């Protein structure tokens, strides 16, 4: 476990706790790593509600509610899919914030996208923020770790904005 990413996770969990917010997570290319970082933090049980690892488009559709039209038109690795994943997991869990991450960890490309392309999203009652990342695809683990740290930073920013 990367210390800087763990520290970011601990800061996010503390902020969620301080504000009484809950979070649910939908992951694809990170394969549960985001949930692992969150659940490594003591006190997370008060704020962490659900984690879904949805590697297939079928599960993105059936469990998270990502529209078939979205998957057909834009693919699994897209801003639209990340948005619908975050909104879907938030709705399923009834949490204050829904997070998502979808992308290409590598070493090969997928759907015509190069390794390192990742979309992250955070949904709350006020809307959804989506961010596109182009991560240096040194290896799968680097892409996954970098994506997790970025989504944790997005979570912190989201909590700070919603708490205003």
C-alpha atoms as a PDB file:
ATOM      1  CA  UNK A   1       0.000   0.000   0.000  1.00  0.00           C
ATOM      2  CA  UNK A   2       1.378   3.379  -1.049  1.00  0.00           C
ATOM      3  CA  UNK A   3       1.816   5.693   1.973  1.00  0.00           C
ATOM      4  CA  UNK A   4       0.802   8.892   0.153  1.00  0.00           C
ATOM      5  CA  UNK A   5      -2.340   7.263  -1.217  1.00  0.00           C
ATOM      6  CA  UNK A   6      -3.176   5.848   2.222  1.00  0.00           C
ATOM      7  CA  UNK A   7      -2.727   9.307   3.769  1.00  0.00           C
ATOM      8  CA  UNK A   8      -5.076  10.759   1.143  1.00  0.00           C
ATOM      9  CA  UNK A   9      -7.582   8.011   1.912  1.00  0.00           C
ATOM     10  CA  UNK A  10      -7.337   8.695   5.654  1.00  0.00           C
ATOM     11  CA  UNK A  11      -7.894  12.416   5.032  1.00  0.00           C
ATOM     12  CA  UNK A  12     -10.947  11.634   2.889  1.00  0.00           C
ATOM     13  CA  UNK A  13     -12.429   9.301   5.516  1.00  0.00           C
ATOM     14  CA  UNK A  14     -11.845  11.893   8.260  1.00  0.00           C
ATOM     15  CA  UNK A  15     -13.545  14.569   6.163  1.00  0.00           C
ATOM     16  CA  UNK A  16     -16.505  12.281   5.443  1.00  0.00           C
ATOM     17  CA  UNK A  17     -16.802  11.497   9.170  1.00  0.00           C
ATOM     18  CA  UNK A  18     -16.490  15.151  10.196  1.00  0.00           C
ATOM     19  CA  UNK A  19     -19.309  16.124   7.834  1.00  0.00           C
ATOM     20  CA  UNK A  20     -21.543  13.093   8.402  1.00  0.00           C
ATOM     21  CA  UNK A  21     -21.404  12.057   4.741  1.00  0.00           C
ATOM     22  CA  UNK A  22     -21.494   8.552   3.306  1.00  0.00           C
ATOM     23  CA  UNK A  23     -19.827   7.217   0.171  1.00  0.00           C
ATOM     24  CA  UNK A  24     -20.354   4.380  -2.289  1.00  0.00           C
ATOM     25  CA  UNK A  25     -17.824   3.285  -4.899  1.00  0.00           C
ATOM     26  CA  UNK A  26     -18.020   1.795  -8.406  1.00  0.00           C
ATOM     27  CA  UNK A  27     -14.706   0.605  -9.831  1.00  0.00           C
ATOM     28  CA  UNK A  28     -13.584  -0.978 -13.050  1.00  0.00           C
ATOM     29  CA  UNK A  29      -9.882  -0.709 -13.951  1.00  0.00           C
ATOM     30  CA  UNK A  30      -8.833  -0.366 -10.303  1.00  0.00           C
ATOM     31  CA  UNK A  31     -10.413  -3.725  -9.482  1.00  0.00           C
ATOM     32  CA  UNK A  32     -11.318  -2.931  -5.876  1.00  0.00           C
ATOM     33  CA  UNK A  33      -8.146  -1.016  -5.013  1.00  0.00           C
ATOM     34  CA  UNK A  34     -10.092   2.158  -4.186  1.00  0.00           C
ATOM     35  CA  UNK A  35     -12.319   0.216  -1.793  1.00  0.00           C
ATOM     36  CA  UNK A  36      -9.227  -1.418  -0.310  1.00  0.00           C
ATOM     37  CA  UNK A  37      -7.640   1.952   0.459  1.00  0.00           C
ATOM     38  CA  UNK A  38     -10.842   3.314   1.970  1.00  0.00           C
ATOM     39  CA  UNK A  39     -11.511   0.257   4.123  1.00  0.00           C
ATOM     40  CA  UNK A  40      -7.912   0.231   5.395  1.00  0.00           C
ATOM     41  CA  UNK A  41      -8.694   3.379   7.388  1.00  0.00           C
ATOM     42  CA  UNK A  42     -10.017   2.943  10.950  1.00  0.00           C
ATOM     43  CA  UNK A  43     -13.469   4.495  11.363  1.00  0.00           C
ATOM     44  CA  UNK A  44     -14.477   3.969   7.751  1.00  0.00           C
ATOM     45  CA  UNK A  45     -17.472   1.816   8.705  1.00  0.00           C
ATOM     46  CA  UNK A  46     -19.393   4.971   9.631  1.00  0.00           C
ATOM     47  CA  UNK A  47     -19.059   6.384   6.098  1.00  0.00           C
ATOM     48  CA  UNK A  48     -18.418   3.578   3.572  1.00  0.00           C
ATOM     49  CA  UNK A  49     -21.634   1.987   2.335  1.00  0.00           C
ATOM     50  CA  UNK A  50     -20.994   0.001  -0.837  1.00  0.00           C
ATOM     51  CA  UNK A  51     -18.234  -1.033  -3.199  1.00  0.00           C
ATOM     52  CA  UNK A  52     -18.884  -2.564  -6.615  1.00  0.00           C
ATOM     53  CA  UNK A  53     -16.191  -3.816  -8.966  1.00  0.00           C
ATOM     54  CA  UNK A  54     -17.876  -3.849 -12.358  1.00  0.00           C
ATOM     55  CA  UNK A  55     -15.388  -5.046 -14.925  1.00  0.00           C
ATOM     56  CA  UNK A  56     -17.946  -6.015 -17.570  1.00  0.00           C
ATOM     57  CA  UNK A  57     -20.365  -3.782 -19.450  1.00  0.00           C
ATOM     58  CA  UNK A  58     -23.163  -6.188 -18.516  1.00  0.00           C
ATOM     59  CA  UNK A  59     -22.616  -5.523 -14.808  1.00  0.00           C
ATOM     60  CA  UNK A  60     -22.205  -1.780 -15.383  1.00  0.00           C
ATOM     61  CA  UNK A  61     -25.665  -1.901 -16.952  1.00  0.00           C
ATOM     62  CA  UNK A  62     -27.449  -4.426 -14.701  1.00  0.00           C
ATOM     63  CA  UNK A  63     -26.065  -3.407 -11.307  1.00  0.00           C
ATOM     64  CA  UNK A  64     -25.059   0.240 -11.712  1.00  0.00           C
ATOM     65  CA  UNK A  65     -27.700   1.324 -14.211  1.00  0.00           C
ATOM     66  CA  UNK A  66     -25.311   2.535 -16.915  1.00  0.00           C
ATOM     67  CA  UNK A  67     -27.511   2.798 -20.000  1.00  0.00           C
ATOM     68  CA  UNK A  68     -26.917   0.321 -22.828  1.00  0.00           C
ATOM     69  CA  UNK A  69     -27.071   3.301 -25.190  1.00  0.00           C
ATOM     70  CA  UNK A  70     -24.193   4.932 -23.311  1.00  0.00           C
ATOM     71  CA  UNK A  71     -22.075   1.784 -23.437  1.00  0.00           C
ATOM     72  CA  UNK A  72     -22.865   1.242 -27.137  1.00  0.00           C
ATOM     73  CA  UNK A  73     -22.175   4.841 -28.130  1.00  0.00           C
ATOM     74  CA  UNK A  74     -19.222   5.687 -25.891  1.00  0.00           C
ATOM     75  CA  UNK A  75     -17.872   2.391 -24.527  1.00  0.00           C
ATOM     76  CA  UNK A  76     -16.874   1.398 -21.012  1.00  0.00           C
ATOM     77  CA  UNK A  77     -13.990   3.884 -20.948  1.00  0.00           C
ATOM     78  CA  UNK A  78     -15.674   7.262 -21.289  1.00  0.00           C
ATOM     79  CA  UNK A  79     -16.760  10.368 -19.443  1.00  0.00           C
ATOM     80  CA  UNK A  80     -20.400   9.358 -19.897  1.00  0.00           C
ATOM     81  CA  UNK A  81     -19.884   5.892 -18.435  1.00  0.00           C
ATOM     82  CA  UNK A  82     -17.929   7.241 -15.455  1.00  0.00           C
ATOM     83  CA  UNK A  83     -20.734   9.729 -14.798  1.00  0.00           C
ATOM     84  CA  UNK A  84     -23.458   7.079 -14.926  1.00  0.00           C
ATOM     85  CA  UNK A  85     -21.422   4.682 -12.772  1.00  0.00           C
ATOM     86  CA  UNK A  86     -21.011   7.306 -10.019  1.00  0.00           C
ATOM     87  CA  UNK A  87     -24.652   8.333 -10.183  1.00  0.00           C
ATOM     88  CA  UNK A  88     -25.784   4.701 -10.273  1.00  0.00           C
ATOM     89  CA  UNK A  89     -23.786   3.533  -7.258  1.00  0.00           C
ATOM     90  CA  UNK A  90     -24.870   6.605  -5.292  1.00  0.00           C
ATOM     91  CA  UNK A  91     -28.511   5.864  -6.086  1.00  0.00           C
ATOM     92  CA  UNK A  92     -28.206   2.129  -5.321  1.00  0.00           C
ATOM     93  CA  UNK A  93     -26.585   2.763  -1.948  1.00  0.00           C
ATOM     94  CA  UNK A  94     -28.554   5.863  -1.041  1.00  0.00           C
ATOM     95  CA  UNK A  95     -25.241   7.469  -0.117  1.00  0.00           C
ATOM     96  CA  UNK A  96     -24.351  11.142  -0.102  1.00  0.00           C
ATOM     97  CA  UNK A  97     -21.526  10.675  -2.605  1.00  0.00           C
ATOM     98  CA  UNK A  98     -20.935   8.132  -5.353  1.00  0.00           C
ATOM     99  CA  UNK A  99     -17.466   7.632  -6.803  1.00  0.00           C
ATOM    100  CA  UNK A 100     -16.434   5.866  -9.971  1.00  0.00           C
ATOM    101  CA  UNK A 101     -13.321   4.978 -11.896  1.00  0.00           C
ATOM    102  CA  UNK A 102     -13.117   3.379 -15.332  1.00  0.00           C
ATOM    103  CA  UNK A 103     -10.182   3.169 -17.703  1.00  0.00           C
ATOM    104  CA  UNK A 104      -7.427   1.169 -19.328  1.00  0.00           C
ATOM    105  CA  UNK A 105      -4.811  -0.153 -16.890  1.00  0.00           C
ATOM    106  CA  UNK A 106      -2.721  -1.788 -19.623  1.00  0.00           C
ATOM    107  CA  UNK A 107      -0.402  -3.126 -20.793  1.00  0.00           C
ATOM    108  CA  UNK A 108      -2.587  -3.323 -23.908  1.00  0.00           C
ATOM    109  CA  UNK A 109      -5.167  -0.829 -25.095  1.00  0.00           C
ATOM    110  CA  UNK A 110      -8.912  -1.394 -24.979  1.00  0.00           C
ATOM    111  CA  UNK A 111     -11.772  -0.132 -27.150  1.00  0.00           C
ATOM    112  CA  UNK A 112      -9.225   1.811 -29.196  1.00  0.00           C
ATOM    113  CA  UNK A 113      -7.930   3.629 -26.105  1.00  0.00           C
ATOM    114  CA  UNK A 114      -4.300   3.628 -25.026  1.00  0.00           C
ATOM    115  CA  UNK A 115      -3.238   2.327 -21.614  1.00  0.00           C
ATOM    116  CA  UNK A 116      -3.385   5.029 -18.959  1.00  0.00           C
ATOM    117  CA  UNK A 117      -6.632   6.654 -20.102  1.00  0.00           C
ATOM    118  CA  UNK A 118      -8.880   6.828 -17.031  1.00  0.00           C
ATOM    119  CA  UNK A 119     -12.098   8.654 -16.190  1.00  0.00           C
ATOM    120  CA  UNK A 120     -13.069   9.335 -12.585  1.00  0.00           C
ATOM    121  CA  UNK A 121     -16.303  10.808 -11.262  1.00  0.00           C
ATOM    122  CA  UNK A 122     -17.952  11.969  -8.050  1.00  0.00           C
ATOM    123  CA  UNK A 123     -21.733  12.355  -7.830  1.00  0.00           C
ATOM    124  CA  UNK A 124     -23.585  14.175  -5.070  1.00  0.00           C
ATOM    125  CA  UNK A 125     -27.003  15.791  -4.656  1.00  0.00           C
ATOM    126  CA  UNK A 126     -25.821  18.860  -6.572  1.00  0.00           C
ATOM    127  CA  UNK A 127     -24.438  17.112  -9.639  1.00  0.00           C
ATOM    128  CA  UNK A 128     -21.564  15.046 -10.951  1.00  0.00           C
ATOM    129  CA  UNK A 129     -17.930  15.988 -11.518  1.00  0.00           C
ATOM    130  CA  UNK A 130     -15.971  13.981 -14.082  1.00  0.00           C
ATOM    131  CA  UNK A 131     -12.244  14.171 -14.701  1.00  0.00           C
ATOM    132  CA  UNK A 132     -10.175  12.670 -17.517  1.00  0.00           C
ATOM    133  CA  UNK A 133      -6.718  11.381 -16.614  1.00  0.00           C
ATOM    134  CA  UNK A 134      -3.863  10.451 -18.922  1.00  0.00           C
ATOM    135  CA  UNK A 135      -1.580   8.424 -16.676  1.00  0.00           C
ATOM    136  CA  UNK A 136       1.895   7.336 -17.749  1.00  0.00           C
ATOM    137  CA  UNK A 137       1.330   3.590 -18.288  1.00  0.00           C
ATOM    138  CA  UNK A 138       4.594   2.383 -16.738  1.00  0.00           C
ATOM    139  CA  UNK A 139       2.712  -0.724 -15.598  1.00  0.00           C
ATOM    140  CA  UNK A 140      -0.788  -1.734 -14.484  1.00  0.00           C
ATOM    141  CA  UNK A 141      -0.076  -1.058 -10.834  1.00  0.00           C
ATOM    142  CA  UNK A 142       1.096   2.497 -11.524  1.00  0.00           C
ATOM    143  CA  UNK A 143      -2.052   3.265 -13.505  1.00  0.00           C
ATOM    144  CA  UNK A 144      -4.279   1.775 -10.802  1.00  0.00           C
ATOM    145  CA  UNK A 145      -2.478   3.512  -7.888  1.00  0.00           C
ATOM    146  CA  UNK A 146      -2.453   6.875  -9.660  1.00  0.00           C
ATOM    147  CA  UNK A 147      -6.148   6.585 -10.517  1.00  0.00           C
ATOM    148  CA  UNK A 148      -7.044   5.710  -6.922  1.00  0.00           C
ATOM    149  CA  UNK A 149      -5.114   8.694  -5.536  1.00  0.00           C
ATOM    150  CA  UNK A 150      -6.823  10.977  -8.066  1.00  0.00           C
ATOM    151  CA  UNK A 151     -10.319   9.771  -7.187  1.00  0.00           C
ATOM    152  CA  UNK A 152      -9.571  10.157  -3.463  1.00  0.00           C
ATOM    153  CA  UNK A 153      -8.469  13.745  -4.145  1.00  0.00           C
ATOM    154  CA  UNK A 154     -11.705  14.279  -6.092  1.00  0.00           C
ATOM    155  CA  UNK A 155     -13.636  12.883  -3.110  1.00  0.00           C
ATOM    156  CA  UNK A 156     -11.960  15.391  -0.781  1.00  0.00           C
ATOM    157  CA  UNK A 157     -12.749  18.270  -3.150  1.00  0.00           C
ATOM    158  CA  UNK A 158     -16.355  17.089  -3.462  1.00  0.00           C
ATOM    159  CA  UNK A 159     -16.876  16.836   0.301  1.00  0.00           C
ATOM    160  CA  UNK A 160     -15.382  20.300   0.787  1.00  0.00           C
ATOM    161  CA  UNK A 161     -17.705  21.770  -1.854  1.00  0.00           C
ATOM    162  CA  UNK A 162     -20.850  19.977  -0.644  1.00  0.00           C
ATOM    163  CA  UNK A 163     -20.139  20.897   2.994  1.00  0.00           C
ATOM    164  CA  UNK A 164     -20.081  24.652   2.203  1.00  0.00           C
END
